[in-house]
Amino acid sequence: QVQLVESGGGLAQPGGSLRLSCAASGFTKDYSTIAWFRQAPGKEREGVSCISLSDGNTWYAESAKGRFTVSRDNDGNTASLQMTNLKPEDTGSYYCATERLYYCSPYGHLVSAFFTEWGQGTQVTVSS
């Protein structure tokens, strides 16, 4: 059974940084991507970034490019999202997700409806 556990959320000031982690367990070889989504109050869940655990390919939403960096740990089942130069509009609940046979392409786009395995989420608040 696949399980995803996020950690690392919290409060940051505008311009500050936070690092989120997603620890995955129960992966088989069919699970090779960890994706990050966020959801602000009253808004739809949106894709932020993803990483292929097999080859390290990454994808970023336009809002994340240049500020967020997704990475994978050597154990192959942990992904992190380093967020810098945070803005108030980055506030929301952040979720990691995975889906069997989903591949993170640098030219793709994240759609939350494609994912069936989700973590519980971690709150990120950017405020002065």
Foldseek 3Di string as FASTA:
>chain_A
DKAKAKDWADEAAQQAKTKMKIAIPPDDPQWFKKWKWWDDPPDDIATAKMAGLPPGAMAGDPVQPPFWDKDADPVSGMIMIIGGSDDQVVWGWMKMFIDGNDDHHRPDGDDVVRTDHIHPTDTHGYHD
